[in-house]
Each structure stands twice: as structure tokens, then as C-alpha cells.
Amino acid sequence: MSGHDYDHLIGQLGYVTTRIGGPDTPGEVQVRFRGASEAFIAYGREAIDRGVQVLVVGRRPGRVVEVTAFDE
């Protein structure tokens, strides 16, 4: 899969499955991608607890995304 496919993750909503501890401590999120829910390593500027809905705001090489808490 090309890196360009992962660009489509930006703007997608997901939820935290493993707590994100802050900018230096990644967690894991589930995001709808290619018609299914898929797991990605995730970083956030702040800590985000398990179960919180997030918005993908960036990506890094591989299956790594940058997220922020999303409050409707």
C-alpha cells in the first residue's frame, strides 16, 4: 500500500483503544479505513484516555497517525 492511501485518514474519526500518554507516549486508535475498522499507533499533543473519540489530524510513516480529542 502506498503512503498516499494513508493520507485519506486525515479528517477521519476514531476512538482510543489504548490510552495515549502525551506527545512522547503513543497509544492505539481504531479508525474506519478502507471499509473496515483498523488499528493505528497514535500520538497526541496531550494525554487522551481510552474510549475517547478522536480526529485524525496528521500522519507519520507507517501505520502511525496524529490525533486530537474530538468533542462534537
PDB file of N, CA and C in Angstrom:
ATOM      1  N   MET A   1       0.847  -1.174   0.000  1.00  0.00           N
ATOM      2  CA  MET A   1       0.000   0.000   0.000  1.00  0.00           C
ATOM      3  C   MET A   1       0.887   1.230   0.000  1.00  0.00           C
ATOM      4  N   SER A   2       0.536   2.187  -0.801  1.00  0.00           N
ATOM      5  CA  SER A   2       1.335   3.404  -0.873  1.00  0.00           C
ATOM      6  C   SER A   2       1.004   4.325   0.287  1.00  0.00           C
ATOM      7  N   GLY A   3       1.931   5.210   0.614  1.00  0.00           N
ATOM      8  CA  GLY A   3       1.725   6.188   1.662  1.00  0.00           C
ATOM      9  C   GLY A   3       0.576   7.128   1.366  1.00  0.00           C
ATOM     10  N   HIS A   4       0.299   7.319   0.063  1.00  0.00           N
ATOM     11  CA  HIS A   4      -0.787   8.220  -0.314  1.00  0.00           C
ATOM     12  C   HIS A   4      -2.139   7.687   0.157  1.00  0.00           C
ATOM     13  N   ASP A   5      -2.299   6.365   0.228  1.00  0.00           N
ATOM     14  CA  ASP A   5      -3.550   5.794   0.716  1.00  0.00           C
ATOM     15  C   ASP A   5      -3.814   6.237   2.144  1.00  0.00           C
ATOM     16  N   TYR A   6      -2.763   6.330   2.931  1.00  0.00           N
ATOM     17  CA  TYR A   6      -2.908   6.726   4.330  1.00  0.00           C
ATOM     18  C   TYR A   6      -3.258   8.208   4.473  1.00  0.00           C
ATOM     19  N   ASP A   7      -3.010   9.011   3.457  1.00  0.00           N
ATOM     20  CA  ASP A   7      -3.390  10.425   3.516  1.00  0.00           C
ATOM     21  C   ASP A   7      -4.896  10.577   3.696  1.00  0.00           C
ATOM     22  N   HIS A   8      -5.667   9.600   3.255  1.00  0.00           N
ATOM     23  CA  HIS A   8      -7.122   9.653   3.381  1.00  0.00           C
ATOM     24  C   HIS A   8      -7.586   9.511   4.833  1.00  0.00           C
ATOM     25  N   LEU A   9      -6.682   9.138   5.724  1.00  0.00           N
ATOM     26  CA  LEU A   9      -7.028   9.033   7.136  1.00  0.00           C
ATOM     27  C   LEU A   9      -7.256  10.403   7.766  1.00  0.00           C
ATOM     28  N   ILE A  10      -6.585  11.423   7.257  1.00  0.00           N
ATOM     29  CA  ILE A  10      -6.709  12.760   7.832  1.00  0.00           C
ATOM     30  C   ILE A  10      -8.151  13.229   7.700  1.00  0.00           C
ATOM     31  N   GLY A  11      -8.710  13.661   8.835  1.00  0.00           N
ATOM     32  CA  GLY A  11     -10.102  14.088   8.876  1.00  0.00           C
ATOM     33  C   GLY A  11     -11.069  12.998   9.311  1.00  0.00           C
ATOM     34  N   GLN A  12     -10.570  11.758   9.451  1.00  0.00           N
ATOM     35  CA  GLN A  12     -11.433  10.652   9.878  1.00  0.00           C
ATOM     36  C   GLN A  12     -11.567  10.634  11.400  1.00  0.00           C
ATOM     37  N   LEU A  13     -12.702  10.139  11.867  1.00  0.00           N
ATOM     38  CA  LEU A  13     -12.927   9.971  13.294  1.00  0.00           C
ATOM     39  C   LEU A  13     -12.603   8.544  13.713  1.00  0.00           C
ATOM     40  N   GLY A  14     -12.174   8.398  14.942  1.00  0.00           N
ATOM     41  CA  GLY A  14     -11.910   7.087  15.509  1.00  0.00           C
ATOM     42  C   GLY A  14     -12.065   7.169  17.012  1.00  0.00           C
ATOM     43  N   TYR A  15     -11.593   6.131  17.695  1.00  0.00           N
ATOM     44  CA  TYR A  15     -11.625   6.158  19.147  1.00  0.00           C
ATOM     45  C   TYR A  15     -10.381   5.477  19.701  1.00  0.00           C
ATOM     46  N   VAL A  16      -9.989   5.890  20.897  1.00  0.00           N
ATOM     47  CA  VAL A  16      -8.777   5.394  21.531  1.00  0.00           C
ATOM     48  C   VAL A  16      -9.050   4.023  22.143  1.00  0.00           C
ATOM     49  N   THR A  17      -8.207   3.045  21.805  1.00  0.00           N
ATOM     50  CA  THR A  17      -8.323   1.705  22.385  1.00  0.00           C
ATOM     51  C   THR A  17      -7.233   1.455  23.422  1.00  0.00           C
ATOM     52  N   THR A  18      -6.111   2.135  23.299  1.00  0.00           N
ATOM     53  CA  THR A  18      -5.043   2.105  24.299  1.00  0.00           C
ATOM     54  C   THR A  18      -4.657   3.544  24.576  1.00  0.00           C
ATOM     55  N   ARG A  19      -4.719   3.953  25.844  1.00  0.00           N
ATOM     56  CA  ARG A  19      -4.506   5.348  26.246  1.00  0.00           C
ATOM     57  C   ARG A  19      -3.264   5.962  25.598  1.00  0.00           C
ATOM     58  N   ILE A  20      -3.429   7.192  25.114  1.00  0.00           N
ATOM     59  CA  ILE A  20      -2.321   7.978  24.578  1.00  0.00           C
ATOM     60  C   ILE A  20      -1.787   8.805  25.746  1.00  0.00           C
ATOM     61  N   GLY A  21      -0.501   8.666  26.049  1.00  0.00           N
ATOM     62  CA  GLY A  21       0.061   9.296  27.237  1.00  0.00           C
ATOM     63  C   GLY A  21       0.563  10.707  27.038  1.00  0.00           C
ATOM     64  N   GLY A  22       0.500  11.224  25.830  1.00  0.00           N
ATOM     65  CA  GLY A  22       1.006  12.560  25.530  1.00  0.00           C
ATOM     66  C   GLY A  22       1.908  12.509  24.315  1.00  0.00           C
ATOM     67  N   PRO A  23       2.640  13.585  24.047  1.00  0.00           N
ATOM     68  CA  PRO A  23       3.409  13.663  22.801  1.00  0.00           C
ATOM     69  C   PRO A  23       4.518  12.620  22.659  1.00  0.00           C
ATOM     70  N   ASP A  24       5.011  12.079  23.765  1.00  0.00           N
ATOM     71  CA  ASP A  24       6.102  11.103  23.693  1.00  0.00           C
ATOM     72  C   ASP A  24       5.667   9.681  24.009  1.00  0.00           C
ATOM     73  N   THR A  25       4.387   9.486  24.311  1.00  0.00           N
ATOM     74  CA  THR A  25       3.898   8.164  24.686  1.00  0.00           C
ATOM     75  C   THR A  25       2.706   7.792  23.809  1.00  0.00           C
ATOM     76  N   PRO A  26       2.943   6.989  22.770  1.00  0.00           N
ATOM     77  CA  PRO A  26       1.855   6.656  21.851  1.00  0.00           C
ATOM     78  C   PRO A  26       0.839   5.714  22.481  1.00  0.00           C
ATOM     79  N   GLY A  27      -0.319   5.686  21.871  1.00  0.00           N
ATOM     80  CA  GLY A  27      -1.358   4.726  22.215  1.00  0.00           C
ATOM     81  C   GLY A  27      -1.839   4.083  20.934  1.00  0.00           C
ATOM     82  N   GLU A  28      -3.066   3.605  20.959  1.00  0.00           N
ATOM     83  CA  GLU A  28      -3.632   2.970  19.773  1.00  0.00           C
ATOM     84  C   GLU A  28      -5.049   3.473  19.571  1.00  0.00           C
ATOM     85  N   VAL A  29      -5.421   3.645  18.309  1.00  0.00           N
ATOM     86  CA  VAL A  29      -6.773   4.058  17.952  1.00  0.00           C
ATOM     87  C   VAL A  29      -7.342   3.122  16.905  1.00  0.00           C
ATOM     88  N   GLN A  30      -8.663   3.055  16.862  1.00  0.00           N
ATOM     89  CA  GLN A  30      -9.383   2.361  15.797  1.00  0.00           C
ATOM     90  C   GLN A  30     -10.003   3.430  14.916  1.00  0.00           C
ATOM     91  N   VAL A  31      -9.770   3.330  13.607  1.00  0.00           N
ATOM     92  CA  VAL A  31     -10.282   4.306  12.646  1.00  0.00           C
ATOM     93  C   VAL A  31     -10.920   3.556  11.488  1.00  0.00           C
ATOM     94  N   ARG A  32     -12.052   4.052  10.994  1.00  0.00           N
ATOM     95  CA  ARG A  32     -12.667   3.469   9.799  1.00  0.00           C
ATOM     96  C   ARG A  32     -11.769   3.785   8.611  1.00  0.00           C
ATOM     97  N   PHE A  33     -11.312   2.748   7.921  1.00  0.00           N
ATOM     98  CA  PHE A  33     -10.394   2.916   6.808  1.00  0.00           C
ATOM     99  C   PHE A  33     -10.600   1.764   5.845  1.00  0.00           C
ATOM    100  N   ARG A  34     -10.780   2.074   4.587  1.00  0.00           N
ATOM    101  CA  ARG A  34     -10.988   1.063   3.544  1.00  0.00           C
ATOM    102  C   ARG A  34     -12.161   0.148   3.869  1.00  0.00           C
ATOM    103  N   GLY A  35     -13.224   0.723   4.422  1.00  0.00           N
ATOM    104  CA  GLY A  35     -14.445  -0.039   4.672  1.00  0.00           C
ATOM    105  C   GLY A  35     -14.444  -0.884   5.932  1.00  0.00           C
ATOM    106  N   ALA A  36     -13.417  -0.769   6.749  1.00  0.00           N
ATOM    107  CA  ALA A  36     -13.355  -1.553   7.983  1.00  0.00           C
ATOM    108  C   ALA A  36     -12.736  -0.700   9.090  1.00  0.00           C
ATOM    109  N   SER A  37     -12.845  -1.173  10.305  1.00  0.00           N
ATOM    110  CA  SER A  37     -12.207  -0.501  11.426  1.00  0.00           C
ATOM    111  C   SER A  37     -10.807  -1.091  11.586  1.00  0.00           C
ATOM    112  N   GLU A  38      -9.790  -0.226  11.538  1.00  0.00           N
ATOM    113  CA  GLU A  38      -8.408  -0.698  11.609  1.00  0.00           C
ATOM    114  C   GLU A  38      -7.665   0.004  12.732  1.00  0.00           C
ATOM    115  N   ALA A  39      -6.685  -0.695  13.297  1.00  0.00           N
ATOM    116  CA  ALA A  39      -5.881  -0.158  14.397  1.00  0.00           C
ATOM    117  C   ALA A  39      -4.668   0.590  13.851  1.00  0.00           C
ATOM    118  N   PHE A  40      -4.366   1.724  14.496  1.00  0.00           N
ATOM    119  CA  PHE A  40      -3.187   2.515  14.159  1.00  0.00           C
ATOM    120  C   PHE A  40      -2.515   2.978  15.449  1.00  0.00           C
ATOM    121  N   ILE A  41      -1.204   3.049  15.435  1.00  0.00           N
ATOM    122  CA  ILE A  41      -0.467   3.687  16.524  1.00  0.00           C
ATOM    123  C   ILE A  41      -0.801   5.168  16.454  1.00  0.00           C
ATOM    124  N   ALA A  42      -1.000   5.803  17.618  1.00  0.00           N
ATOM    125  CA  ALA A  42      -1.427   7.195  17.611  1.00  0.00           C
ATOM    126  C   ALA A  42      -0.670   8.029  18.641  1.00  0.00           C
ATOM    127  N   TYR A  43      -0.370   9.257  18.235  1.00  0.00           N
ATOM    128  CA  TYR A  43       0.240  10.258  19.110  1.00  0.00           C
ATOM    129  C   TYR A  43      -0.719  11.425  19.236  1.00  0.00           C
ATOM    130  N   GLY A  44      -0.701  12.081  20.390  1.00  0.00           N
ATOM    131  CA  GLY A  44      -1.493  13.276  20.610  1.00  0.00           C
ATOM    132  C   GLY A  44      -0.657  14.318  21.333  1.00  0.00           C
ATOM    133  N   ARG A  45      -1.052  15.558  21.220  1.00  0.00           N
ATOM    134  CA  ARG A  45      -0.335  16.633  21.914  1.00  0.00           C
ATOM    135  C   ARG A  45      -0.539  16.555  23.422  1.00  0.00           C
ATOM    136  N   GLU A  46      -1.662  15.947  23.823  1.00  0.00           N
ATOM    137  CA  GLU A  46      -1.961  15.783  25.235  1.00  0.00           C
ATOM    138  C   GLU A  46      -2.388  14.334  25.462  1.00  0.00           C
ATOM    139  N   ALA A  47      -2.486  13.933  26.726  1.00  0.00           N
ATOM    140  CA  ALA A  47      -2.959  12.591  27.053  1.00  0.00           C
ATOM    141  C   ALA A  47      -4.432  12.476  26.661  1.00  0.00           C
ATOM    142  N   ILE A  48      -4.789  11.309  26.118  1.00  0.00           N
ATOM    143  CA  ILE A  48      -6.180  11.037  25.736  1.00  0.00           C
ATOM    144  C   ILE A  48      -6.525   9.645  26.245  1.00  0.00           C
ATOM    145  N   ASP A  49      -7.573   9.565  27.041  1.00  0.00           N
ATOM    146  CA  ASP A  49      -7.960   8.304  27.668  1.00  0.00           C
ATOM    147  C   ASP A  49      -8.640   7.348  26.699  1.00  0.00           C
ATOM    148  N   ARG A  50      -8.617   6.082  27.092  1.00  0.00           N
ATOM    149  CA  ARG A  50      -9.279   5.020  26.337  1.00  0.00           C
ATOM    150  C   ARG A  50     -10.770   5.351  26.209  1.00  0.00           C
ATOM    151  N   GLY A  51     -11.329   5.108  25.017  1.00  0.00           N
ATOM    152  CA  GLY A  51     -12.747   5.310  24.769  1.00  0.00           C
ATOM    153  C   GLY A  51     -13.104   6.688  24.245  1.00  0.00           C
ATOM    154  N   VAL A  52     -12.159   7.633  24.288  1.00  0.00           N
ATOM    155  CA  VAL A  52     -12.422   8.998  23.817  1.00  0.00           C
ATOM    156  C   VAL A  52     -12.425   9.017  22.286  1.00  0.00           C
ATOM    157  N   GLN A  53     -13.375   9.734  21.712  1.00  0.00           N
ATOM    158  CA  GLN A  53     -13.421   9.888  20.259  1.00  0.00           C
ATOM    159  C   GLN A  53     -12.337  10.872  19.836  1.00  0.00           C
ATOM    160  N   VAL A  54     -11.662  10.566  18.733  1.00  0.00           N
ATOM    161  CA  VAL A  54     -10.571  11.408  18.254  1.00  0.00           C
ATOM    162  C   VAL A  54     -10.731  11.715  16.773  1.00  0.00           C
ATOM    163  N   LEU A  55     -10.062  12.775  16.354  1.00  0.00           N
ATOM    164  CA  LEU A  55      -9.999  13.199  14.966  1.00  0.00           C
ATOM    165  C   LEU A  55      -8.562  13.043  14.503  1.00  0.00           C
ATOM    166  N   VAL A  56      -8.355  12.388  13.369  1.00  0.00           N
ATOM    167  CA  VAL A  56      -7.006  12.242  12.810  1.00  0.00           C
ATOM    168  C   VAL A  56      -6.618  13.574  12.165  1.00  0.00           C
ATOM    169  N   VAL A  57      -5.519  14.166  12.651  1.00  0.00           N
ATOM    170  CA  VAL A  57      -5.085  15.475  12.159  1.00  0.00           C
ATOM    171  C   VAL A  57      -3.761  15.411  11.395  1.00  0.00           C
ATOM    172  N   GLY A  58      -3.111  14.267  11.402  1.00  0.00           N
ATOM    173  CA  GLY A  58      -1.854  14.123  10.677  1.00  0.00           C
ATOM    174  C   GLY A  58      -1.446  12.667  10.634  1.00  0.00           C
ATOM    175  N   ARG A  59      -0.392  12.406   9.897  1.00  0.00           N
ATOM    176  CA  ARG A  59       0.111  11.033   9.838  1.00  0.00           C
ATOM    177  C   ARG A  59       1.625  11.044   9.815  1.00  0.00           C
ATOM    178  N   ARG A  60       2.192   9.928  10.194  1.00  0.00           N
ATOM    179  CA  ARG A  60       3.635   9.715  10.185  1.00  0.00           C
ATOM    180  C   ARG A  60       3.896   8.471   9.361  1.00  0.00           C
ATOM    181  N   PRO A  61       5.148   8.199   9.015  1.00  0.00           N
ATOM    182  CA  PRO A  61       5.428   6.996   8.217  1.00  0.00           C
ATOM    183  C   PRO A  61       4.886   5.728   8.879  1.00  0.00           C
ATOM    184  N   GLY A  62       4.435   4.818   8.054  1.00  0.00           N
ATOM    185  CA  GLY A  62       3.884   3.560   8.547  1.00  0.00           C
ATOM    186  C   GLY A  62       2.452   3.736   8.995  1.00  0.00           C
ATOM    187  N   ARG A  63       2.025   2.882   9.887  1.00  0.00           N
ATOM    188  CA  ARG A  63       0.639   2.912  10.388  1.00  0.00           C
ATOM    189  C   ARG A  63       0.574   3.756  11.657  1.00  0.00           C
ATOM    190  N   VAL A  64       0.997   5.005  11.528  1.00  0.00           N
ATOM    191  CA  VAL A  64       1.070   5.921  12.666  1.00  0.00           C
ATOM    192  C   VAL A  64       0.337   7.215  12.314  1.00  0.00           C
ATOM    193  N   VAL A  65      -0.556   7.639  13.223  1.00  0.00           N
ATOM    194  CA  VAL A  65      -1.322   8.855  12.996  1.00  0.00           C
ATOM    195  C   VAL A  65      -1.167   9.805  14.178  1.00  0.00           C
ATOM    196  N   GLU A  66      -1.486  11.066  13.922  1.00  0.00           N
ATOM    197  CA  GLU A  66      -1.545  12.077  14.969  1.00  0.00           C
ATOM    198  C   GLU A  66      -3.012  12.437  15.153  1.00  0.00           C
ATOM    199  N   VAL A  67      -3.466  12.479  16.416  1.00  0.00           N
ATOM    200  CA  VAL A  67      -4.872  12.707  16.690  1.00  0.00           C
ATOM    201  C   VAL A  67      -5.074  13.782  17.746  1.00  0.00           C
ATOM    202  N   THR A  68      -6.291  14.275  17.811  1.00  0.00           N
ATOM    203  CA  THR A  68      -6.714  15.192  18.861  1.00  0.00           C
ATOM    204  C   THR A  68      -8.089  14.743  19.327  1.00  0.00           C
ATOM    205  N   ALA A  69      -8.394  14.981  20.603  1.00  0.00           N
ATOM    206  CA  ALA A  69      -9.709  14.620  21.120  1.00  0.00           C
ATOM    207  C   ALA A  69     -10.765  15.382  20.330  1.00  0.00           C
ATOM    208  N   PHE A  70     -11.871  14.709  20.033  1.00  0.00           N
ATOM    209  CA  PHE A  70     -12.944  15.306  19.246  1.00  0.00           C
ATOM    210  C   PHE A  70     -14.183  15.391  20.109  1.00  0.00           C
ATOM    211  N   ASP A  71     -14.683  16.600  20.267  1.00  0.00           N
ATOM    212  CA  ASP A  71     -15.879  16.836  21.047  1.00  0.00           C
ATOM    213  C   ASP A  71     -16.936  17.433  20.132  1.00  0.00           C
ATOM    214  N   GLU A  72     -17.978  16.661  19.862  1.00  0.00           N
ATOM    215  CA  GLU A  72     -19.000  17.106  18.910  1.00  0.00           C
ATOM    216  C   GLU A  72     -19.674  18.384  19.312  1.00  0.00           C
TER     217      GLU A  72
END
